PDB file of N, CA and C in Angstrom:
ATOM      1  N   MET A   1     -19.658 -15.733  -1.513  1.00  0.00           N
ATOM      2  CA  MET A   1     -18.343 -15.247  -1.806  1.00  0.00           C
ATOM      3  C   MET A   1     -17.314 -16.293  -1.382  1.00  0.00           C
ATOM      4  N   GLN A   2     -16.291 -16.434  -2.172  1.00  0.00           N
ATOM      5  CA  GLN A   2     -15.266 -17.419  -1.896  1.00  0.00           C
ATOM      6  C   GLN A   2     -14.306 -16.904  -0.836  1.00  0.00           C
ATOM      7  N   LYS A   3     -14.007 -17.750   0.138  1.00  0.00           N
ATOM      8  CA  LYS A   3     -13.144 -17.325   1.242  1.00  0.00           C
ATOM      9  C   LYS A   3     -11.705 -17.039   0.816  1.00  0.00           C
ATOM     10  N   PRO A   4     -11.051 -17.840  -0.040  1.00  0.00           N
ATOM     11  CA  PRO A   4      -9.667 -17.514  -0.405  1.00  0.00           C
ATOM     12  C   PRO A   4      -9.530 -16.156  -1.101  1.00  0.00           C
ATOM     13  N   VAL A   5     -10.488 -15.801  -1.937  1.00  0.00           N
ATOM     14  CA  VAL A   5     -10.431 -14.495  -2.607  1.00  0.00           C
ATOM     15  C   VAL A   5     -10.588 -13.381  -1.587  1.00  0.00           C
ATOM     16  N   TRP A   6     -11.488 -13.576  -0.622  1.00  0.00           N
ATOM     17  CA  TRP A   6     -11.723 -12.570   0.407  1.00  0.00           C
ATOM     18  C   TRP A   6     -10.476 -12.347   1.250  1.00  0.00           C
ATOM     19  N   THR A   7      -9.820 -13.423   1.647  1.00  0.00           N
ATOM     20  CA  THR A   7      -8.634 -13.267   2.487  1.00  0.00           C
ATOM     21  C   THR A   7      -7.482 -12.648   1.711  1.00  0.00           C
ATOM     22  N   THR A   8      -7.348 -12.975   0.444  1.00  0.00           N
ATOM     23  CA  THR A   8      -6.306 -12.365  -0.377  1.00  0.00           C
ATOM     24  C   THR A   8      -6.536 -10.868  -0.516  1.00  0.00           C
ATOM     25  N   ALA A   9      -7.784 -10.473  -0.730  1.00  0.00           N
ATOM     26  CA  ALA A   9      -8.102  -9.052  -0.852  1.00  0.00           C
ATOM     27  C   ALA A   9      -7.829  -8.315   0.461  1.00  0.00           C
ATOM     28  N   CYS A  10      -8.126  -8.960   1.579  1.00  0.00           N
ATOM     29  CA  CYS A  10      -7.848  -8.332   2.880  1.00  0.00           C
ATOM     30  C   CYS A  10      -6.354  -8.154   3.099  1.00  0.00           C
ATOM     31  N   TRP A  11      -5.566  -9.134   2.720  1.00  0.00           N
ATOM     32  CA  TRP A  11      -4.115  -9.004   2.868  1.00  0.00           C
ATOM     33  C   TRP A  11      -3.561  -7.908   1.974  1.00  0.00           C
ATOM     34  N   LEU A  12      -4.149  -7.738   0.800  1.00  0.00           N
ATOM     35  CA  LEU A  12      -3.712  -6.649  -0.073  1.00  0.00           C
ATOM     36  C   LEU A  12      -3.967  -5.288   0.570  1.00  0.00           C
ATOM     37  N   LEU A  13      -5.039  -5.178   1.324  1.00  0.00           N
ATOM     38  CA  LEU A  13      -5.370  -3.907   1.959  1.00  0.00           C
ATOM     39  C   LEU A  13      -4.571  -3.678   3.250  1.00  0.00           C
ATOM     40  N   ILE A  14      -3.991  -4.713   3.799  1.00  0.00           N
ATOM     41  CA  ILE A  14      -3.186  -4.576   5.015  1.00  0.00           C
ATOM     42  C   ILE A  14      -1.754  -4.143   4.696  1.00  0.00           C
ATOM     43  N   ILE A  15      -1.290  -4.411   3.496  1.00  0.00           N
ATOM     44  CA  ILE A  15       0.084  -4.088   3.104  1.00  0.00           C
ATOM     45  C   ILE A  15       0.433  -2.610   3.335  1.00  0.00           C
ATOM     46  N   PRO A  16      -0.412  -1.638   2.927  1.00  0.00           N
ATOM     47  CA  PRO A  16      -0.061  -0.232   3.186  1.00  0.00           C
ATOM     48  C   PRO A  16       0.046   0.106   4.669  1.00  0.00           C
ATOM     49  N   TYR A  17      -0.781  -0.505   5.496  1.00  0.00           N
ATOM     50  CA  TYR A  17      -0.677  -0.253   6.936  1.00  0.00           C
ATOM     51  C   TYR A  17       0.659  -0.705   7.478  1.00  0.00           C
ATOM     52  N   ILE A  18       1.093  -1.867   7.051  1.00  0.00           N
ATOM     53  CA  ILE A  18       2.382  -2.366   7.516  1.00  0.00           C
ATOM     54  C   ILE A  18       3.510  -1.457   7.031  1.00  0.00           C
ATOM     55  N   GLY A  19       3.421  -1.040   5.778  1.00  0.00           N
ATOM     56  CA  GLY A  19       4.475  -0.207   5.211  1.00  0.00           C
ATOM     57  C   GLY A  19       4.535   1.203   5.754  1.00  0.00           C
ATOM     58  N   LEU A  20       3.410   1.728   6.223  1.00  0.00           N
ATOM     59  CA  LEU A  20       3.381   3.122   6.675  1.00  0.00           C
ATOM     60  C   LEU A  20       3.306   3.308   8.184  1.00  0.00           C
ATOM     61  N   LEU A  21       2.804   2.345   8.898  1.00  0.00           N
ATOM     62  CA  LEU A  21       2.667   2.528  10.341  1.00  0.00           C
ATOM     63  C   LEU A  21       3.931   2.182  11.122  1.00  0.00           C
ATOM     64  N   TRP A  22       4.867   1.534  10.502  1.00  0.00           N
ATOM     65  CA  TRP A  22       6.130   1.218  11.163  1.00  0.00           C
ATOM     66  C   TRP A  22       7.119   2.324  10.824  1.00  0.00           C
ATOM     67  N   VAL A  23       7.017   3.452  11.524  1.00  0.00           N
ATOM     68  CA  VAL A  23       7.771   4.667  11.221  1.00  0.00           C
ATOM     69  C   VAL A  23       9.289   4.491  11.327  1.00  0.00           C
ATOM     70  N   PRO A  24       9.833   3.755  12.278  1.00  0.00           N
ATOM     71  CA  PRO A  24      11.298   3.619  12.310  1.00  0.00           C
ATOM     72  C   PRO A  24      11.892   3.018  11.030  1.00  0.00           C
ATOM     73  N   PHE A  25      11.081   2.362  10.244  1.00  0.00           N
ATOM     74  CA  PHE A  25      11.561   1.793   8.991  1.00  0.00           C
ATOM     75  C   PHE A  25      11.946   2.870   7.980  1.00  0.00           C
ATOM     76  N   TYR A  26      11.221   3.986   7.973  1.00  0.00           N
ATOM     77  CA  TYR A  26      11.477   5.017   6.957  1.00  0.00           C
ATOM     78  C   TYR A  26      11.791   6.383   7.555  1.00  0.00           C
ATOM     79  N   ASN A  27      12.160   6.462   8.802  1.00  0.00           N
ATOM     80  CA  ASN A  27      12.465   7.734   9.447  1.00  0.00           C
ATOM     81  C   ASN A  27      13.933   8.108   9.212  1.00  0.00           C
ATOM     82  N   PHE A  28      14.263   8.354   7.945  1.00  0.00           N
ATOM     83  CA  PHE A  28      15.628   8.707   7.565  1.00  0.00           C
ATOM     84  C   PHE A  28      15.611   9.888   6.617  1.00  0.00           C
ATOM     85  N   ARG A  29      16.726  10.556   6.530  1.00  0.00           N
ATOM     86  CA  ARG A  29      16.872  11.685   5.613  1.00  0.00           C
ATOM     87  C   ARG A  29      17.394  11.247   4.256  1.00  0.00           C
ATOM     88  N   GLU A  30      18.293  10.311   4.272  1.00  0.00           N
ATOM     89  CA  GLU A  30      18.912   9.822   3.032  1.00  0.00           C
ATOM     90  C   GLU A  30      18.376   8.450   2.702  1.00  0.00           C
ATOM     91  N   PRO A  31      18.235   8.062   1.494  1.00  0.00           N
ATOM     92  CA  PRO A  31      18.581   8.751   0.266  1.00  0.00           C
ATOM     93  C   PRO A  31      17.496   9.757  -0.118  1.00  0.00           C
ATOM     94  N   SER A  32      17.918  10.869  -0.653  1.00  0.00           N
ATOM     95  CA  SER A  32      16.951  11.862  -1.099  1.00  0.00           C
ATOM     96  C   SER A  32      16.667  11.653  -2.587  1.00  0.00           C
ATOM     97  N   LEU A  33      15.479  12.058  -2.977  1.00  0.00           N
ATOM     98  CA  LEU A  33      15.037  11.921  -4.366  1.00  0.00           C
ATOM     99  C   LEU A  33      14.486  13.261  -4.815  1.00  0.00           C
ATOM    100  N   PHE A  34      15.141  13.884  -5.789  1.00  0.00           N
ATOM    101  CA  PHE A  34      14.760  15.206  -6.293  1.00  0.00           C
ATOM    102  C   PHE A  34      14.716  16.238  -5.165  1.00  0.00           C
ATOM    103  N   GLY A  35      15.596  16.118  -4.191  1.00  0.00           N
ATOM    104  CA  GLY A  35      15.655  17.051  -3.085  1.00  0.00           C
ATOM    105  C   GLY A  35      14.749  16.723  -1.923  1.00  0.00           C
ATOM    106  N   PHE A  36      13.891  15.724  -2.067  1.00  0.00           N
ATOM    107  CA  PHE A  36      13.003  15.320  -0.982  1.00  0.00           C
ATOM    108  C   PHE A  36      13.682  14.261  -0.130  1.00  0.00           C
ATOM    109  N   PRO A  37      13.645  14.409   1.190  1.00  0.00           N
ATOM    110  CA  PRO A  37      14.204  13.371   2.051  1.00  0.00           C
ATOM    111  C   PRO A  37      13.406  12.068   1.915  1.00  0.00           C
ATOM    112  N   PHE A  38      14.070  10.981   2.255  1.00  0.00           N
ATOM    113  CA  PHE A  38      13.445   9.656   2.149  1.00  0.00           C
ATOM    114  C   PHE A  38      12.135   9.602   2.908  1.00  0.00           C
ATOM    115  N   PHE A  39      12.041  10.235   4.054  1.00  0.00           N
ATOM    116  CA  PHE A  39      10.831  10.221   4.873  1.00  0.00           C
ATOM    117  C   PHE A  39       9.607  10.659   4.074  1.00  0.00           C
ATOM    118  N   TYR A  40       9.756  11.681   3.244  1.00  0.00           N
ATOM    119  CA  TYR A  40       8.617  12.205   2.491  1.00  0.00           C
ATOM    120  C   TYR A  40       8.331  11.413   1.225  1.00  0.00           C
ATOM    121  N   TRP A  41       9.367  11.107   0.439  1.00  0.00           N
ATOM    122  CA  TRP A  41       9.055  10.451  -0.823  1.00  0.00           C
ATOM    123  C   TRP A  41       8.647   8.999  -0.622  1.00  0.00           C
ATOM    124  N   TYR A  42       9.044   8.374   0.472  1.00  0.00           N
ATOM    125  CA  TYR A  42       8.581   7.021   0.780  1.00  0.00           C
ATOM    126  C   TYR A  42       7.074   7.032   1.012  1.00  0.00           C
ATOM    127  N   GLN A  43       6.604   8.011   1.787  1.00  0.00           N
ATOM    128  CA  GLN A  43       5.168   8.104   2.055  1.00  0.00           C
ATOM    129  C   GLN A  43       4.392   8.450   0.789  1.00  0.00           C
ATOM    130  N   LEU A  44       4.925   9.357  -0.019  1.00  0.00           N
ATOM    131  CA  LEU A  44       4.241   9.725  -1.258  1.00  0.00           C
ATOM    132  C   LEU A  44       4.229   8.587  -2.267  1.00  0.00           C
ATOM    133  N   LEU A  45       5.222   7.735  -2.225  1.00  0.00           N
ATOM    134  CA  LEU A  45       5.249   6.570  -3.106  1.00  0.00           C
ATOM    135  C   LEU A  45       4.118   5.604  -2.785  1.00  0.00           C
ATOM    136  N   TRP A  46       3.698   5.566  -1.538  1.00  0.00           N
ATOM    137  CA  TRP A  46       2.622   4.671  -1.136  1.00  0.00           C
ATOM    138  C   TRP A  46       1.253   5.107  -1.656  1.00  0.00           C
ATOM    139  N   VAL A  47       1.091   6.343  -2.057  1.00  0.00           N
ATOM    140  CA  VAL A  47      -0.212   6.808  -2.555  1.00  0.00           C
ATOM    141  C   VAL A  47      -0.617   6.042  -3.818  1.00  0.00           C
ATOM    142  N   PRO A  48       0.196   5.986  -4.878  1.00  0.00           N
ATOM    143  CA  PRO A  48      -0.224   5.197  -6.042  1.00  0.00           C
ATOM    144  C   PRO A  48      -0.217   3.688  -5.775  1.00  0.00           C
ATOM    145  N   ILE A  49       0.706   3.226  -4.918  1.00  0.00           N
ATOM    146  CA  ILE A  49       0.734   1.798  -4.598  1.00  0.00           C
ATOM    147  C   ILE A  49      -0.552   1.390  -3.883  1.00  0.00           C
ATOM    148  N   THR A  50      -0.983   2.209  -2.924  1.00  0.00           N
ATOM    149  CA  THR A  50      -2.213   1.910  -2.190  1.00  0.00           C
ATOM    150  C   THR A  50      -3.429   1.960  -3.097  1.00  0.00           C
ATOM    151  N   SER A  51      -3.496   2.935  -3.977  1.00  0.00           N
ATOM    152  CA  SER A  51      -4.638   3.006  -4.889  1.00  0.00           C
ATOM    153  C   SER A  51      -4.664   1.806  -5.832  1.00  0.00           C
ATOM    154  N   LEU A  52      -3.509   1.344  -6.263  1.00  0.00           N
ATOM    155  CA  LEU A  52      -3.459   0.145  -7.105  1.00  0.00           C
ATOM    156  C   LEU A  52      -3.901  -1.091  -6.327  1.00  0.00           C
ATOM    157  N   LEU A  53      -3.478  -1.218  -5.078  1.00  0.00           N
ATOM    158  CA  LEU A  53      -3.890  -2.358  -4.269  1.00  0.00           C
ATOM    159  C   LEU A  53      -5.388  -2.334  -3.970  1.00  0.00           C
ATOM    160  N   ILE A  54      -5.944  -1.154  -3.742  1.00  0.00           N
ATOM    161  CA  ILE A  54      -7.385  -1.038  -3.523  1.00  0.00           C
ATOM    162  C   ILE A  54      -8.142  -1.434  -4.785  1.00  0.00           C
ATOM    163  N   TYR A  55      -7.645  -1.025  -5.933  1.00  0.00           N
ATOM    164  CA  TYR A  55      -8.288  -1.391  -7.197  1.00  0.00           C
ATOM    165  C   TYR A  55      -8.264  -2.904  -7.412  1.00  0.00           C
ATOM    166  N   VAL A  56      -7.125  -3.523  -7.154  1.00  0.00           N
ATOM    167  CA  VAL A  56      -7.012  -4.977  -7.333  1.00  0.00           C
ATOM    168  C   VAL A  56      -7.946  -5.702  -6.362  1.00  0.00           C
ATOM    169  N   ALA A  57      -8.006  -5.247  -5.111  1.00  0.00           N
ATOM    170  CA  ALA A  57      -8.898  -5.873  -4.132  1.00  0.00           C
ATOM    171  C   ALA A  57     -10.356  -5.687  -4.530  1.00  0.00           C
ATOM    172  N   TYR A  58     -10.699  -4.527  -5.017  1.00  0.00           N
ATOM    173  CA  TYR A  58     -12.080  -4.262  -5.450  1.00  0.00           C
ATOM    174  C   TYR A  58     -12.463  -5.153  -6.626  1.00  0.00           C
ATOM    175  N   ARG A  59     -11.579  -5.247  -7.607  1.00  0.00           N
ATOM    176  CA  ARG A  59     -11.885  -6.069  -8.784  1.00  0.00           C
ATOM    177  C   ARG A  59     -11.967  -7.548  -8.433  1.00  0.00           C
ATOM    178  N   SER A  60     -11.197  -7.986  -7.451  1.00  0.00           N
ATOM    179  CA  SER A  60     -11.244  -9.407  -7.089  1.00  0.00           C
ATOM    180  C   SER A  60     -12.516  -9.742  -6.288  1.00  0.00           C
ATOM    181  N   LEU A  61     -13.084  -8.770  -5.599  1.00  0.00           N
ATOM    182  CA  LEU A  61     -14.301  -9.021  -4.812  1.00  0.00           C
ATOM    183  C   LEU A  61     -15.575  -8.679  -5.559  1.00  0.00           C
ATOM    184  N   LYS A  62     -15.483  -7.913  -6.621  1.00  0.00           N
ATOM    185  CA  LYS A  62     -16.664  -7.485  -7.363  1.00  0.00           C
ATOM    186  C   LYS A  62     -17.261  -8.685  -8.087  1.00  0.00           C
ATOM    187  N   SER A  63     -18.543  -8.889  -7.892  1.00  0.00           N
ATOM    188  CA  SER A  63     -19.207  -9.981  -8.595  1.00  0.00           C
ATOM    189  C   SER A  63     -19.767  -9.467  -9.924  1.00  0.00           C
ATOM    190  N   ASP A  64     -19.463 -10.177 -10.960  1.00  0.00           N
ATOM    191  CA  ASP A  64     -19.956  -9.793 -12.288  1.00  0.00           C
ATOM    192  C   ASP A  64     -21.279 -10.490 -12.550  1.00  0.00           C
ATOM    193  N   ASP A  65     -22.363  -9.776 -12.231  1.00  0.00           N
ATOM    194  CA  ASP A  65     -23.697 -10.358 -12.415  1.00  0.00           C
ATOM    195  C   ASP A  65     -24.160 -10.286 -13.835  1.00  0.00           C
TER     196      ASP A  65
END
């Protein structure tokens, strides 16, 4: 396995941790979206983003035999 591809895939998987584990970054009420406070819709926005990043990391590491 190539090391640059491996490290890129690992960094893609670390992005959601950085975005979600630093709570003071998104611990706010405003701006609200469809009545949901920022605290909730920010976290829910990460669900499709994380699944897309996992897919990209998986496809970059998958060997096509």
